[in-house]
Protein backbone atom coordinates (compact mmCIF):
# COMPACT_ATOMS: atom_id res chain seq x y z
CA MET A 1 180.82 58.97 122.11
CA LYS A 2 177.73 61.57 123.19
CA ILE A 3 178.30 65.41 123.52
CA GLN A 4 174.80 67.31 124.47
CA ILE A 5 175.45 71.24 124.05
CA ILE A 6 173.05 73.41 126.07
CA ASN A 7 172.62 77.01 125.79
CA GLY A 8 170.93 79.43 127.52
CA PRO A 9 168.62 82.75 127.61
CA ASN A 10 168.89 84.63 124.33
CA LEU A 11 171.60 82.51 122.88
CA ASN A 12 168.60 81.84 120.35
CA LEU A 13 169.35 84.98 119.16
CA LEU A 14 173.35 84.62 117.86
CA GLY A 15 174.19 85.99 114.66
CA VAL A 16 171.50 89.19 115.14
CA ARG A 17 171.88 89.77 119.06
CA GLU A 18 174.95 92.38 119.66
CA PRO A 19 176.90 91.16 116.77
CA GLY A 20 179.86 93.19 118.51
CA ILE A 21 179.76 90.92 121.14
CA TYR A 22 178.53 87.70 120.06
CA GLY A 23 179.29 87.87 116.41
CA ASN A 24 177.60 87.61 113.20
CA LEU A 25 176.90 83.64 113.25
CA SER A 26 173.83 81.77 114.83
CA PHE A 27 174.47 78.68 116.33
CA ASP A 28 172.10 76.91 113.77
CA GLN A 29 174.77 77.67 111.62
CA TYR A 30 177.63 76.92 113.73
CA ILE A 31 176.53 73.44 114.72
CA PRO A 32 176.99 71.61 111.34
CA GLN A 33 180.47 72.57 111.50
CA LEU A 34 180.71 71.37 114.60
CA ARG A 35 179.59 68.12 113.81
CA GLU A 36 181.16 68.09 110.74
CA MET A 37 184.40 68.71 112.37
CA TYR A 38 183.51 65.54 115.14
CA SER A 39 181.31 63.30 112.55
CA ILE A 40 182.43 60.63 115.12
CA ILE A 41 180.45 61.66 118.02
CA GLU A 42 176.67 62.60 118.49
CA ILE A 43 176.42 66.29 119.20
CA ASP A 44 173.14 66.99 120.29
CA TYR A 45 172.08 70.60 120.57
CA TYR A 46 169.04 72.03 123.08
CA GLN A 47 168.46 75.96 123.63
CA SER A 48 166.05 76.92 126.15
CA ASN A 49 165.29 80.68 127.54
CA VAL A 50 164.00 78.92 130.15
CA GLU A 51 165.57 78.12 133.55
CA GLY A 52 163.80 75.23 134.79
CA GLU A 53 164.01 73.41 131.00
CA LEU A 54 167.38 73.60 131.43
CA VAL A 55 167.89 72.56 134.81
CA ASN A 56 165.21 69.55 133.36
CA LYS A 57 168.08 69.15 130.33
CA LEU A 58 170.98 68.43 132.76
CA HIS A 59 168.54 65.66 134.66
CA GLU A 60 167.88 64.15 131.50
CA VAL A 61 171.21 63.92 129.93
CA GLY A 62 173.51 64.15 133.06
CA PHE A 63 173.74 60.55 133.67
CA ASP A 64 173.54 58.70 130.22
CA TYR A 65 176.08 61.32 128.15
CA ASP A 66 179.99 61.44 127.90
CA GLY A 67 180.17 65.39 128.16
CA ILE A 68 177.95 68.34 128.14
CA VAL A 69 178.93 71.93 127.19
CA LEU A 70 176.93 74.19 128.82
CA ASN A 71 176.57 78.18 128.01
CA GLY A 72 173.94 79.13 130.61
CA GLY A 73 173.84 82.98 129.65
CA ALA A 74 172.75 85.40 132.06
CA TYR A 75 171.83 81.98 134.47
CA THR A 76 175.77 81.47 134.81
CA HIS A 77 175.59 84.59 137.42
CA THR A 78 172.24 83.91 138.95
CA SER A 79 170.94 80.24 138.78
CA VAL A 80 171.49 78.24 142.39
CA ALA A 81 169.17 75.84 140.55
CA ILE A 82 171.56 75.05 137.58
CA ALA A 83 174.71 75.16 139.71
CA ASP A 84 172.80 72.21 142.16
CA ALA A 85 171.58 70.58 138.84
CA ILE A 86 175.28 70.54 137.54
CA ALA A 87 176.54 69.35 141.10
CA ALA A 88 174.08 66.75 141.04
CA ILE A 89 175.10 64.85 138.05
CA LYS A 90 177.41 62.61 136.85
CA THR A 91 178.23 63.63 133.57
CA PRO A 92 181.34 66.04 133.09
CA VAL A 93 180.26 69.48 132.47
CA ILE A 94 182.62 72.50 130.51
CA GLU A 95 181.24 76.02 131.12
CA VAL A 96 181.44 78.53 127.84
CA HIS A 97 180.81 82.00 127.34
CA ILE A 98 181.58 83.47 124.06
CA SER A 99 182.39 86.57 125.40
CA ASN A 100 185.04 87.50 127.93
CA ILE A 101 182.62 87.96 131.24
CA TYR A 102 185.81 89.22 132.73
CA ALA A 103 185.75 92.23 130.40
CA ARG A 104 181.90 93.03 130.82
CA GLU A 105 180.00 94.47 133.51
CA GLU A 106 181.19 93.51 136.91
CA TYR A 107 178.01 91.21 138.06
CA ARG A 108 179.23 89.01 134.88
CA HIS A 109 182.44 88.45 136.67
CA ILE A 110 180.78 85.85 138.86
CA SER A 111 179.59 82.44 137.87
CA LEU A 112 177.59 80.52 140.18
CA THR A 113 177.52 77.51 138.20
CA GLY A 114 181.32 77.40 137.37
CA LYS A 115 182.40 75.84 140.25
CA ASN A 116 180.51 72.82 139.64
CA CYS A 117 181.78 72.33 136.13
CA ARG A 118 185.15 70.50 135.04
CA GLY A 119 186.23 73.60 133.19
CA VAL A 120 184.84 77.47 132.30
CA LEU A 121 185.93 78.73 128.74
CA THR A 122 185.27 82.50 128.15
CA GLY A 123 186.15 84.81 125.82
CA PHE A 124 187.18 82.60 122.31
CA GLY A 125 183.87 83.06 120.75
CA MET A 126 182.17 80.63 119.00
CA ASP A 127 185.35 78.43 119.22
CA GLY A 128 184.97 77.87 122.61
CA TYR A 129 182.31 75.13 122.31
CA ARG A 130 185.26 73.50 120.12
CA LEU A 131 187.43 74.15 122.77
CA ALA A 132 185.45 72.30 125.19
CA ILE A 133 184.93 69.29 122.98
CA GLU A 134 188.36 68.74 122.58
CA SER A 135 188.73 69.13 126.63
CA LEU A 136 185.90 66.42 126.93
CA LEU A 137 187.29 64.17 124.33
CA LYS A 138 190.96 64.40 126.53
CA GLY A 139 189.16 63.07 129.38
């Protein structure tokens, strides 16, 4: 089984960016834990701050992988292009948000991408990625 994790803008700053919201753990520190927990699965990781690169990555893996875990960051609320890319691919996508987007600014309450995903996890911290993988394993 192959799962692609895709993180969007500013998530490269996890661990230093607003630790009160996002915690003190960087994704580079977290991904080895996921890979150890799910050693029978190939877990690939990609991060970009550029919308078009995220669309390209969805196209690249969206027909060959068994699942995608996507944290689109702020593009969740603004990107029709990413929403369309999710709708166009065959691989199921689980949307993840570290913070509870409904407990934040009102503009964050709308997810343009979520409607094209199998499911959305919000507010579980970094554990949301694990929960998304669990969901993909159950099919």
